[in-house]
Structures are given as C-alpha cells and as structure tokens.
C-alpha cells in the first residue's frame, strides 16, 4: 500500500503486507491523515478499483475522516500518471532486486530505503528539480528563487554563453490529476487546480 501527495509527489504513507484487505488500507489512510493533519473534506483520495480500496471498511473510514473517494475510470490502467511514474521509478532504481525478496521483513526494509531516497534525495523535473520533501514542507519556493537568481547573475556575467531564455524556475503552483487538453497545454505559471 502506498499513499502519495500528488502536489508534492511525497510518499506520505506506505506498508508492505503479504495480502490485501480493506482493513489494512483503512488503517494506513487513517494514520496518514492523522500524521499529515488532514481536515474534514480537505483531501480527495484517488485509488484504483481494487477490492481493498472499494471495500466497506475502507469507504466507511474515508467517510469518517471526511476524505472524498475518487476511483480510476473503468478499463483505464494509467488513470493516475503520478502513481504510474512513481512505480516506474521504483522498478528502475539501480538497486531494485532481480530476485524475489527473501522475506516480508526484507521487502519492508527495501521499500523503507526506497521511500527515504525518493522523498529526501530524488529531484523531480516536473516540480523544478526539488525533492518531494522540500516541496511538501514548502521549501521549494525559496530554492527555486535562489536558482533563478543564480541563473540571472550567470547570464548577466556571461551573456555570450546564453543563446535563449534562462530556465524557468517558477514553481508549479497547482496540479491536475487528469487534465483535459486545454488545461494540459497551459504554461507552467498559469493557474491549475490542485488534486490530492
């Protein structure tokens, strides 16, 4: 199980179990909401159509927490591009095991190490090459402003090295889960609706 904040790309909760159940999913989302300080109807949880996510226990938990459920469209395997990208990163990280995990504990330890790296070290191009943790904590704006200043100063000092515009270090302010064509063609600095 894995919960990711799509605005920051941070993995905010995860667990590895031998099987799936609505009870385990409900327990994970409850702890994640408490840890993240989620208020009533502040969060939309987008999930696949699997039994654990649509089970009565999970749906009752979401209702109790004030979390709005959202599910992938039927027969659309890539309805959440953020989670698809995350799992692609997981599968192509250099230390991804070539053999099955020896035990549940070994699997949990490997995922723990991956999550720490992903949240605290991995810099995402789509959010300005900051880490998910930096963006989640609101540190991205300061980092991006500093980068913009460095680029501006470098261009002023050596204009002959620049053939075009300076890289756009404006922060991505809003995120869409599945934008329509008109929204996905907007420039980075235009407003976009946030989905979580």
C-alpha atoms as a PDB file:
ATOM      1  CA  UNK A   1       0.000   0.000   0.000  1.00  0.00           C
ATOM      2  CA  UNK A   2       1.219   3.475  -0.807  1.00  0.00           C
ATOM      3  CA  UNK A   3      -0.256   6.961  -0.442  1.00  0.00           C
ATOM      4  CA  UNK A   4       1.330   9.810  -2.382  1.00  0.00           C
ATOM      5  CA  UNK A   5       0.508  13.507  -2.231  1.00  0.00           C
ATOM      6  CA  UNK A   6       0.389  14.354  -5.946  1.00  0.00           C
ATOM      7  CA  UNK A   7       1.029  18.063  -5.327  1.00  0.00           C
ATOM      8  CA  UNK A   8       4.408  17.437  -3.689  1.00  0.00           C
ATOM      9  CA  UNK A   9       4.969  13.887  -5.018  1.00  0.00           C
ATOM     10  CA  UNK A  10       5.852  12.880  -1.452  1.00  0.00           C
ATOM     11  CA  UNK A  11       5.066   9.350  -0.299  1.00  0.00           C
ATOM     12  CA  UNK A  12       3.152  10.174   2.885  1.00  0.00           C
ATOM     13  CA  UNK A  13       2.341   6.614   3.927  1.00  0.00           C
ATOM     14  CA  UNK A  14       3.213   3.067   2.911  1.00  0.00           C
ATOM     15  CA  UNK A  15       3.058  -0.502   4.147  1.00  0.00           C
ATOM     16  CA  UNK A  16       4.018  -3.900   2.780  1.00  0.00           C
ATOM     17  CA  UNK A  17       1.796  -6.904   3.577  1.00  0.00           C
ATOM     18  CA  UNK A  18       1.538 -10.433   2.231  1.00  0.00           C
ATOM     19  CA  UNK A  19      -2.057  -9.822   1.148  1.00  0.00           C
ATOM     20  CA  UNK A  20      -4.554  -7.053   0.550  1.00  0.00           C
ATOM     21  CA  UNK A  21      -7.557  -6.063   2.617  1.00  0.00           C
ATOM     22  CA  UNK A  22      -9.823  -3.083   3.098  1.00  0.00           C
ATOM     23  CA  UNK A  23      -8.937  -3.113   6.809  1.00  0.00           C
ATOM     24  CA  UNK A  24      -5.210  -2.673   6.119  1.00  0.00           C
ATOM     25  CA  UNK A  25      -5.899   0.103   3.596  1.00  0.00           C
ATOM     26  CA  UNK A  26      -8.240   1.852   6.049  1.00  0.00           C
ATOM     27  CA  UNK A  27      -5.679   1.658   8.844  1.00  0.00           C
ATOM     28  CA  UNK A  28      -2.968   3.147   6.616  1.00  0.00           C
ATOM     29  CA  UNK A  29      -5.091   6.061   5.404  1.00  0.00           C
ATOM     30  CA  UNK A  30      -6.247   6.799   8.967  1.00  0.00           C
ATOM     31  CA  UNK A  31      -2.659   7.052  10.213  1.00  0.00           C
ATOM     32  CA  UNK A  32      -1.654   9.135   7.174  1.00  0.00           C
ATOM     33  CA  UNK A  33      -4.496  11.617   7.741  1.00  0.00           C
ATOM     34  CA  UNK A  34      -3.600  11.984  11.427  1.00  0.00           C
ATOM     35  CA  UNK A  35       0.124  12.405  10.713  1.00  0.00           C
ATOM     36  CA  UNK A  36      -0.484  14.949   7.928  1.00  0.00           C
ATOM     37  CA  UNK A  37      -3.129  16.896   9.875  1.00  0.00           C
ATOM     38  CA  UNK A  38      -5.811  16.428   7.211  1.00  0.00           C
ATOM     39  CA  UNK A  39      -9.002  18.346   7.961  1.00  0.00           C
ATOM     40  CA  UNK A  40     -12.566  17.390   7.025  1.00  0.00           C
ATOM     41  CA  UNK A  41     -13.092  17.348   3.233  1.00  0.00           C
ATOM     42  CA  UNK A  42      -9.584  18.669   2.581  1.00  0.00           C
ATOM     43  CA  UNK A  43      -8.438  15.517   0.815  1.00  0.00           C
ATOM     44  CA  UNK A  44      -9.500  13.563  -2.256  1.00  0.00           C
ATOM     45  CA  UNK A  45      -8.113  10.033  -2.277  1.00  0.00           C
ATOM     46  CA  UNK A  46      -7.829   8.721  -5.821  1.00  0.00           C
ATOM     47  CA  UNK A  47      -7.414   4.954  -5.973  1.00  0.00           C
ATOM     48  CA  UNK A  48      -7.710   2.026  -8.319  1.00  0.00           C
ATOM     49  CA  UNK A  49     -10.858  -0.090  -8.452  1.00  0.00           C
ATOM     50  CA  UNK A  50      -9.439  -2.943  -6.396  1.00  0.00           C
ATOM     51  CA  UNK A  51     -11.445  -4.618  -3.675  1.00  0.00           C
ATOM     52  CA  UNK A  52      -9.431  -3.218  -0.742  1.00  0.00           C
ATOM     53  CA  UNK A  53      -9.978   0.358  -1.907  1.00  0.00           C
ATOM     54  CA  UNK A  54     -13.701  -0.095  -2.563  1.00  0.00           C
ATOM     55  CA  UNK A  55     -14.395  -2.341   0.445  1.00  0.00           C
ATOM     56  CA  UNK A  56     -16.992  -1.300   3.006  1.00  0.00           C
ATOM     57  CA  UNK A  57     -14.382  -0.849   5.759  1.00  0.00           C
ATOM     58  CA  UNK A  58     -12.287   1.475   3.610  1.00  0.00           C
ATOM     59  CA  UNK A  59     -15.257   3.513   2.390  1.00  0.00           C
ATOM     60  CA  UNK A  60     -16.612   3.859   5.944  1.00  0.00           C
ATOM     61  CA  UNK A  61     -13.176   5.002   7.135  1.00  0.00           C
ATOM     62  CA  UNK A  62     -12.953   7.600   4.371  1.00  0.00           C
ATOM     63  CA  UNK A  63     -16.414   8.886   5.270  1.00  0.00           C
ATOM     64  CA  UNK A  64     -15.484   9.075   8.970  1.00  0.00           C
ATOM     65  CA  UNK A  65     -12.282  11.003   8.106  1.00  0.00           C
ATOM     66  CA  UNK A  66     -14.069  13.337   5.678  1.00  0.00           C
ATOM     67  CA  UNK A  67     -11.901  12.099   2.806  1.00  0.00           C
ATOM     68  CA  UNK A  68     -13.588  12.228  -0.588  1.00  0.00           C
ATOM     69  CA  UNK A  69     -13.098   8.964  -2.520  1.00  0.00           C
ATOM     70  CA  UNK A  70     -12.236   9.009  -6.216  1.00  0.00           C
ATOM     71  CA  UNK A  71     -11.641   5.945  -8.370  1.00  0.00           C
ATOM     72  CA  UNK A  72      -9.913   5.229 -11.648  1.00  0.00           C
ATOM     73  CA  UNK A  73     -12.092   5.098 -14.704  1.00  0.00           C
ATOM     74  CA  UNK A  74     -13.072   1.537 -15.680  1.00  0.00           C
ATOM     75  CA  UNK A  75     -10.588  -0.166 -18.037  1.00  0.00           C
ATOM     76  CA  UNK A  76      -8.117   2.740 -17.824  1.00  0.00           C
ATOM     77  CA  UNK A  77      -4.890   1.264 -16.489  1.00  0.00           C
ATOM     78  CA  UNK A  78      -2.963   4.536 -16.385  1.00  0.00           C
ATOM     79  CA  UNK A  79      -5.600   6.811 -14.842  1.00  0.00           C
ATOM     80  CA  UNK A  80      -3.163   8.171 -12.259  1.00  0.00           C
ATOM     81  CA  UNK A  81       0.020   9.224 -14.076  1.00  0.00           C
ATOM     82  CA  UNK A  82       1.700  10.232 -10.809  1.00  0.00           C
ATOM     83  CA  UNK A  83       1.499   6.770  -9.272  1.00  0.00           C
ATOM     84  CA  UNK A  84       2.462   5.203 -12.622  1.00  0.00           C
ATOM     85  CA  UNK A  85       5.578   7.400 -12.720  1.00  0.00           C
ATOM     86  CA  UNK A  86       6.374   6.601  -9.088  1.00  0.00           C
ATOM     87  CA  UNK A  87       6.188   2.851  -9.646  1.00  0.00           C
ATOM     88  CA  UNK A  88       8.293   3.177 -12.801  1.00  0.00           C
ATOM     89  CA  UNK A  89      10.931   4.986 -10.744  1.00  0.00           C
ATOM     90  CA  UNK A  90      10.743   2.216  -8.135  1.00  0.00           C
ATOM     91  CA  UNK A  91      11.215  -0.525 -10.739  1.00  0.00           C
ATOM     92  CA  UNK A  92      14.155   1.188 -12.455  1.00  0.00           C
ATOM     93  CA  UNK A  93      16.128   2.316  -9.419  1.00  0.00           C
ATOM     94  CA  UNK A  94      19.592   0.679  -9.666  1.00  0.00           C
ATOM     95  CA  UNK A  95      19.225  -1.439  -6.524  1.00  0.00           C
ATOM     96  CA  UNK A  96      15.823  -2.881  -7.491  1.00  0.00           C
ATOM     97  CA  UNK A  97      16.129  -6.595  -6.669  1.00  0.00           C
ATOM     98  CA  UNK A  98      16.480  -9.061  -9.513  1.00  0.00           C
ATOM     99  CA  UNK A  99      15.138 -11.898  -7.355  1.00  0.00           C
ATOM    100  CA  UNK A 100      12.064 -12.122  -5.108  1.00  0.00           C
ATOM    101  CA  UNK A 101      12.503 -10.780  -1.585  1.00  0.00           C
ATOM    102  CA  UNK A 102      13.677 -13.409   0.894  1.00  0.00           C
ATOM    103  CA  UNK A 103      11.068 -12.401   3.460  1.00  0.00           C
ATOM    104  CA  UNK A 104       8.389  -9.877   4.239  1.00  0.00           C
ATOM    105  CA  UNK A 105      10.818  -8.064   6.538  1.00  0.00           C
ATOM    106  CA  UNK A 106      13.441  -7.772   3.756  1.00  0.00           C
ATOM    107  CA  UNK A 107      10.762  -6.357   1.423  1.00  0.00           C
ATOM    108  CA  UNK A 108       9.722  -3.813   4.049  1.00  0.00           C
ATOM    109  CA  UNK A 109      13.327  -2.751   4.630  1.00  0.00           C
ATOM    110  CA  UNK A 110      13.929  -2.303   0.893  1.00  0.00           C
ATOM    111  CA  UNK A 111      10.766  -0.198   0.497  1.00  0.00           C
ATOM    112  CA  UNK A 112      11.707   1.867   3.569  1.00  0.00           C
ATOM    113  CA  UNK A 113      15.096   2.677   1.989  1.00  0.00           C
ATOM    114  CA  UNK A 114      13.458   3.484  -1.356  1.00  0.00           C
ATOM    115  CA  UNK A 115      10.865   5.800   0.241  1.00  0.00           C
ATOM    116  CA  UNK A 116      13.532   7.692   2.165  1.00  0.00           C
ATOM    117  CA  UNK A 117      15.580   8.171  -1.031  1.00  0.00           C
ATOM    118  CA  UNK A 118      12.510   9.090  -3.105  1.00  0.00           C
ATOM    119  CA  UNK A 119      11.224  11.663  -0.623  1.00  0.00           C
ATOM    120  CA  UNK A 120      14.504  13.202   0.511  1.00  0.00           C
ATOM    121  CA  UNK A 121      17.019  12.827  -2.350  1.00  0.00           C
ATOM    122  CA  UNK A 122      15.226  12.263  -5.659  1.00  0.00           C
ATOM    123  CA  UNK A 123      14.780  15.553  -7.534  1.00  0.00           C
ATOM    124  CA  UNK A 124      11.758  15.713  -9.817  1.00  0.00           C
ATOM    125  CA  UNK A 125      11.951  17.553 -13.112  1.00  0.00           C
ATOM    126  CA  UNK A 126       8.188  18.207 -13.110  1.00  0.00           C
ATOM    127  CA  UNK A 127       8.401  20.203  -9.864  1.00  0.00           C
ATOM    128  CA  UNK A 128      11.583  22.143 -10.632  1.00  0.00           C
ATOM    129  CA  UNK A 129      14.205  19.608  -9.540  1.00  0.00           C
ATOM    130  CA  UNK A 130      13.348  19.801  -5.860  1.00  0.00           C
ATOM    131  CA  UNK A 131      12.702  16.780  -3.682  1.00  0.00           C
ATOM    132  CA  UNK A 132       9.180  15.779  -2.666  1.00  0.00           C
ATOM    133  CA  UNK A 133      10.057  16.529   0.969  1.00  0.00           C
ATOM    134  CA  UNK A 134      11.250  20.049   0.094  1.00  0.00           C
ATOM    135  CA  UNK A 135       8.042  20.754  -1.815  1.00  0.00           C
ATOM    136  CA  UNK A 136       5.831  19.159   0.850  1.00  0.00           C
ATOM    137  CA  UNK A 137       7.434  21.340   3.526  1.00  0.00           C
ATOM    138  CA  UNK A 138       7.084  24.489   1.405  1.00  0.00           C
ATOM    139  CA  UNK A 139      10.834  24.940   0.922  1.00  0.00           C
ATOM    140  CA  UNK A 140      10.623  24.716  -2.880  1.00  0.00           C
ATOM    141  CA  UNK A 141       9.825  28.400  -3.459  1.00  0.00           C
ATOM    142  CA  UNK A 142      12.961  29.584  -1.669  1.00  0.00           C
ATOM    143  CA  UNK A 143      15.106  27.025  -3.501  1.00  0.00           C
ATOM    144  CA  UNK A 144      13.652  27.944  -6.897  1.00  0.00           C
ATOM    145  CA  UNK A 145      14.011  31.686  -6.239  1.00  0.00           C
ATOM    146  CA  UNK A 146      17.687  31.152  -5.365  1.00  0.00           C
ATOM    147  CA  UNK A 147      18.230  29.127  -8.547  1.00  0.00           C
ATOM    148  CA  UNK A 148      16.572  31.824 -10.654  1.00  0.00           C
ATOM    149  CA  UNK A 149      18.890  34.428  -9.090  1.00  0.00           C
ATOM    150  CA  UNK A 150      21.973  32.296  -9.826  1.00  0.00           C
ATOM    151  CA  UNK A 151      20.911  31.837 -13.463  1.00  0.00           C
ATOM    152  CA  UNK A 152      20.175  35.555 -13.853  1.00  0.00           C
ATOM    153  CA  UNK A 153      23.548  36.509 -12.393  1.00  0.00           C
ATOM    154  CA  UNK A 154      25.362  33.985 -14.615  1.00  0.00           C
ATOM    155  CA  UNK A 155      23.621  35.306 -17.714  1.00  0.00           C
ATOM    156  CA  UNK A 156      24.456  38.899 -16.815  1.00  0.00           C
ATOM    157  CA  UNK A 157      28.103  37.966 -16.216  1.00  0.00           C
ATOM    158  CA  UNK A 158      28.455  35.922 -19.435  1.00  0.00           C
ATOM    159  CA  UNK A 159      25.668  36.754 -21.916  1.00  0.00           C
ATOM    160  CA  UNK A 160      27.660  35.114 -24.730  1.00  0.00           C
ATOM    161  CA  UNK A 161      27.046  31.682 -23.139  1.00  0.00           C
ATOM    162  CA  UNK A 162      23.265  32.042 -23.402  1.00  0.00           C
ATOM    163  CA  UNK A 163      21.531  31.522 -26.725  1.00  0.00           C
ATOM    164  CA  UNK A 164      17.969  31.677 -25.395  1.00  0.00           C
ATOM    165  CA  UNK A 165      15.922  32.326 -22.332  1.00  0.00           C
ATOM    166  CA  UNK A 166      17.008  31.399 -18.839  1.00  0.00           C
ATOM    167  CA  UNK A 167      15.425  28.213 -17.480  1.00  0.00           C
ATOM    168  CA  UNK A 168      12.002  28.808 -15.985  1.00  0.00           C
ATOM    169  CA  UNK A 169      12.363  28.326 -12.236  1.00  0.00           C
ATOM    170  CA  UNK A 170       8.811  29.441 -11.432  1.00  0.00           C
ATOM    171  CA  UNK A 171       7.214  26.991  -9.011  1.00  0.00           C
ATOM    172  CA  UNK A 172       4.435  24.746 -10.266  1.00  0.00           C
ATOM    173  CA  UNK A 173       1.547  26.124  -8.260  1.00  0.00           C
ATOM    174  CA  UNK A 174      -1.260  23.680  -8.950  1.00  0.00           C
ATOM    175  CA  UNK A 175      -1.598  20.091 -10.161  1.00  0.00           C
ATOM    176  CA  UNK A 176      -4.281  18.249 -12.135  1.00  0.00           C
ATOM    177  CA  UNK A 177      -4.820  14.516 -11.872  1.00  0.00           C
ATOM    178  CA  UNK A 178      -6.136  14.075 -15.426  1.00  0.00           C
ATOM    179  CA  UNK A 179      -6.176  17.453 -17.192  1.00  0.00           C
ATOM    180  CA  UNK A 180      -8.205  17.926 -20.324  1.00  0.00           C
ATOM    181  CA  UNK A 181      -6.294  19.030 -23.423  1.00  0.00           C
ATOM    182  CA  UNK A 182      -6.891  22.725 -22.843  1.00  0.00           C
ATOM    183  CA  UNK A 183      -5.560  22.592 -19.280  1.00  0.00           C
ATOM    184  CA  UNK A 184      -2.522  20.456 -20.107  1.00  0.00           C
ATOM    185  CA  UNK A 185      -1.339  22.993 -22.690  1.00  0.00           C
ATOM    186  CA  UNK A 186      -1.276  25.906 -20.209  1.00  0.00           C
ATOM    187  CA  UNK A 187       2.172  27.318 -19.388  1.00  0.00           C
ATOM    188  CA  UNK A 188       3.672  26.365 -16.030  1.00  0.00           C
ATOM    189  CA  UNK A 189       2.955  29.715 -14.483  1.00  0.00           C
ATOM    190  CA  UNK A 190      -0.776  29.682 -15.253  1.00  0.00           C
ATOM    191  CA  UNK A 191      -3.196  28.535 -12.585  1.00  0.00           C
ATOM    192  CA  UNK A 192      -4.148  24.867 -12.393  1.00  0.00           C
ATOM    193  CA  UNK A 193      -6.495  23.135  -9.981  1.00  0.00           C
ATOM    194  CA  UNK A 194      -4.900  21.094  -7.224  1.00  0.00           C
ATOM    195  CA  UNK A 195      -5.870  17.475  -6.758  1.00  0.00           C
ATOM    196  CA  UNK A 196      -4.608  15.365  -3.900  1.00  0.00           C
END
